[in-house]
Protein backbone atom coordinates (compact mmCIF):
# COMPACT_ATOMS: atom_id res chain seq x y z
CA MET A 1 -0.20 -0.07 0.33
CA SER A 2 1.37 3.48 -0.65
CA VAL A 3 2.05 5.93 1.56
CA ILE A 4 -0.81 8.58 0.87
CA ASP A 5 -3.10 5.48 0.12
CA ALA A 6 -2.75 4.46 3.85
CA ARG A 7 -2.68 8.03 5.03
CA LEU A 8 -6.49 7.71 3.28
CA LYS A 9 -7.09 4.91 5.03
CA THR A 10 -5.88 6.20 8.58
CA LEU A 11 -8.11 9.62 7.84
CA GLY A 12 -11.10 7.03 6.82
CA ILE A 13 -11.07 8.06 3.42
CA THR A 14 -12.19 6.03 1.21
CA LEU A 15 -11.97 7.17 -3.12
CA SER A 16 -14.56 6.35 -5.23
CA PRO A 17 -14.36 6.90 -9.06
CA PRO A 18 -14.47 9.86 -10.04
CA PRO A 19 -17.79 11.50 -10.98
CA LYS A 20 -18.06 11.98 -14.44
CA PRO A 21 -18.14 15.30 -16.30
CA VAL A 22 -21.67 16.60 -17.12
CA ALA A 23 -20.73 18.85 -19.85
CA SER A 24 -18.26 19.78 -22.40
CA TYR A 25 -14.87 19.41 -20.34
CA VAL A 26 -12.37 16.47 -19.49
CA PRO A 27 -11.56 16.13 -15.66
CA PHE A 28 -7.94 17.06 -15.47
CA THR A 29 -5.45 18.19 -17.98
CA LYS A 30 -1.58 17.45 -17.91
CA SER A 31 0.87 20.44 -19.03
CA GLY A 32 4.61 18.68 -18.25
CA ASN A 33 4.59 18.18 -14.27
CA GLN A 34 1.25 20.10 -13.89
CA VAL A 35 -2.05 18.79 -12.94
CA PHE A 36 -5.36 20.66 -13.32
CA ILE A 37 -7.96 19.43 -11.79
CA SER A 38 -11.51 20.61 -13.51
CA GLY A 39 -14.18 22.13 -10.83
CA GLN A 40 -15.41 19.18 -8.30
CA VAL A 41 -19.15 19.59 -6.76
CA PRO A 42 -20.32 17.70 -3.98
CA ILE A 43 -20.77 14.37 -5.20
CA SER A 44 -21.56 11.10 -3.05
CA ASP A 45 -22.85 7.71 -4.26
CA GLY A 46 -23.58 9.09 -7.68
CA ALA A 47 -25.61 12.27 -5.66
CA LEU A 48 -25.31 15.69 -5.62
CA LYS A 49 -25.27 16.62 -1.80
CA TYR A 50 -25.48 20.16 -0.36
CA VAL A 51 -27.54 22.27 -2.33
CA GLY A 52 -28.01 25.31 -1.40
CA LYS A 53 -26.50 28.63 -0.41
CA LEU A 54 -24.33 29.51 2.69
CA GLY A 55 -25.27 32.09 4.76
CA ALA A 56 -29.13 31.29 4.02
CA ASP A 57 -28.92 27.38 3.90
CA PHE A 58 -26.06 26.47 5.18
CA SER A 59 -23.59 26.64 8.87
CA ILE A 60 -20.09 27.36 8.15
CA GLU A 61 -19.52 23.62 9.72
CA VAL A 62 -21.68 22.11 6.84
CA GLY A 63 -20.02 24.51 4.36
CA GLN A 64 -16.59 23.19 5.27
CA ALA A 65 -18.06 19.67 4.87
CA ALA A 66 -19.14 20.76 1.30
CA ALA A 67 -15.85 21.72 0.96
CA GLN A 68 -14.19 18.56 1.99
CA LEU A 69 -16.37 16.49 -0.61
CA CYS A 70 -15.34 18.24 -3.01
CA ALA A 71 -11.49 17.72 -2.28
CA ILE A 72 -12.27 14.35 -1.62
CA ASN A 73 -13.31 14.54 -5.78
CA VAL A 74 -10.38 16.43 -6.49
CA LEU A 75 -8.45 13.54 -5.09
CA SER A 76 -10.39 11.01 -6.81
CA VAL A 77 -9.52 12.74 -10.01
CA LEU A 78 -6.00 13.15 -9.19
CA LYS A 79 -5.56 9.39 -8.40
CA VAL A 80 -6.65 8.66 -12.09
CA ALA A 81 -4.29 11.23 -13.15
CA CYS A 82 -1.32 9.62 -11.65
CA GLU A 83 -2.42 6.80 -12.72
CA GLY A 84 -3.55 5.34 -9.34
CA ASP A 85 -0.31 6.39 -7.79
CA LEU A 86 -0.97 9.26 -5.26
CA ASP A 87 2.68 9.04 -4.28
CA ARG A 88 3.38 11.02 -7.70
CA VAL A 89 2.24 14.04 -5.71
CA VAL A 90 5.10 16.83 -5.56
CA GLN A 91 3.23 19.84 -4.08
CA CYS A 92 -0.36 20.80 -3.96
CA LEU A 93 0.21 24.76 -5.67
CA LYS A 94 -3.11 26.12 -5.83
CA VAL A 95 -6.66 25.58 -4.76
CA THR A 96 -9.78 27.36 -5.96
CA VAL A 97 -12.80 27.56 -3.55
CA PHE A 98 -15.94 28.65 -5.37
CA VAL A 99 -18.68 29.24 -2.77
CA ASN A 100 -22.56 29.83 -3.26
CA ALA A 101 -23.40 32.46 -0.92
CA THR A 102 -25.54 35.18 -0.03
CA PRO A 103 -24.45 38.87 -1.51
CA ASP A 104 -23.77 39.75 1.94
CA TYR A 105 -21.80 36.33 2.84
CA ASP A 106 -17.64 37.06 4.05
CA LYS A 107 -17.03 33.36 5.51
CA GLN A 108 -15.65 31.81 2.03
CA PRO A 109 -12.28 31.78 3.79
CA GLU A 110 -13.41 29.59 6.93
CA ILE A 111 -15.38 27.28 4.03
CA ALA A 112 -12.50 26.96 1.75
CA ASN A 113 -10.82 25.54 5.11
CA GLY A 114 -12.88 22.24 4.34
CA ALA A 115 -10.82 21.53 1.38
CA SER A 116 -7.22 23.29 2.26
CA ASP A 117 -7.18 20.84 5.84
CA LEU A 118 -8.32 17.73 4.10
CA PHE A 119 -5.04 18.64 1.43
CA ALA A 120 -2.90 19.27 4.02
CA ALA A 121 -4.07 16.34 6.02
CA VAL A 122 -3.49 13.97 2.83
CA PHE A 123 -0.04 15.11 1.77
CA GLY A 124 1.13 17.15 4.83
CA ASP A 125 3.35 20.01 3.98
CA ALA A 126 3.36 18.71 0.59
CA GLY A 127 0.05 19.79 0.70
CA LYS A 128 -0.19 23.21 2.25
CA HIS A 129 -0.76 25.47 -1.26
CA ALA A 130 -1.76 29.07 -2.70
CA ARG A 131 -5.67 29.35 -2.65
CA ALA A 132 -8.41 31.57 -3.61
CA ALA A 133 -12.00 31.43 -1.63
CA VAL A 134 -14.66 33.69 -3.85
CA GLY A 135 -17.91 33.87 -3.21
CA MET A 136 -19.83 33.30 -6.51
CA GLY A 137 -24.10 34.28 -6.71
CA SER A 138 -24.71 30.71 -7.95
CA LEU A 139 -22.85 27.27 -8.71
CA PRO A 140 -23.70 24.30 -11.04
CA ARG A 141 -26.85 22.46 -9.74
CA GLY A 142 -27.34 25.00 -7.19
CA VAL A 143 -24.09 23.30 -5.22
CA ALA A 144 -22.67 25.36 -1.66
CA VAL A 145 -18.85 24.76 -3.14
CA GLU A 146 -16.88 23.89 -5.82
CA VAL A 147 -13.39 23.28 -5.85
CA ASP A 148 -10.52 22.93 -8.37
CA ALA A 149 -6.97 22.55 -7.65
CA ILE A 150 -3.59 22.33 -9.58
CA PHE A 151 -0.96 19.95 -8.33
CA GLU A 152 2.70 18.78 -9.24
CA ILE A 153 3.52 15.28 -9.69
CA LYS A 154 7.03 13.04 -10.60
């Protein structure tokens, strides 16, 4: 078992096959040693979770759980991009967290921590990254959070 697979198991995380794209895009692209993961929404067992807005429907803790689920889906896609070996990850370079929120909502950074903390837990120092946390008026299918990321691999 790889180091990262063992860490995922310790964290109680099982990576399912990645969700299929719902429009005209691919789940990831590679350029040199970088992998660009398309935006992932909170899907589990084929069903959307966390449909609604932060600031109206969900607490910070629920928003963080939505971001964490998106990050787990990012890892599922990344594992495919790494041909099944997440030990190839050198660094999480950049994460963008889009938060479906009311116009006055200002807790996007706290919501984004759900994804950021997961990447750090899985990859240690290599999971620490640059980040943007952005409030949005809406997101695909009405989900609360979407996460995309860029990783360096070997």
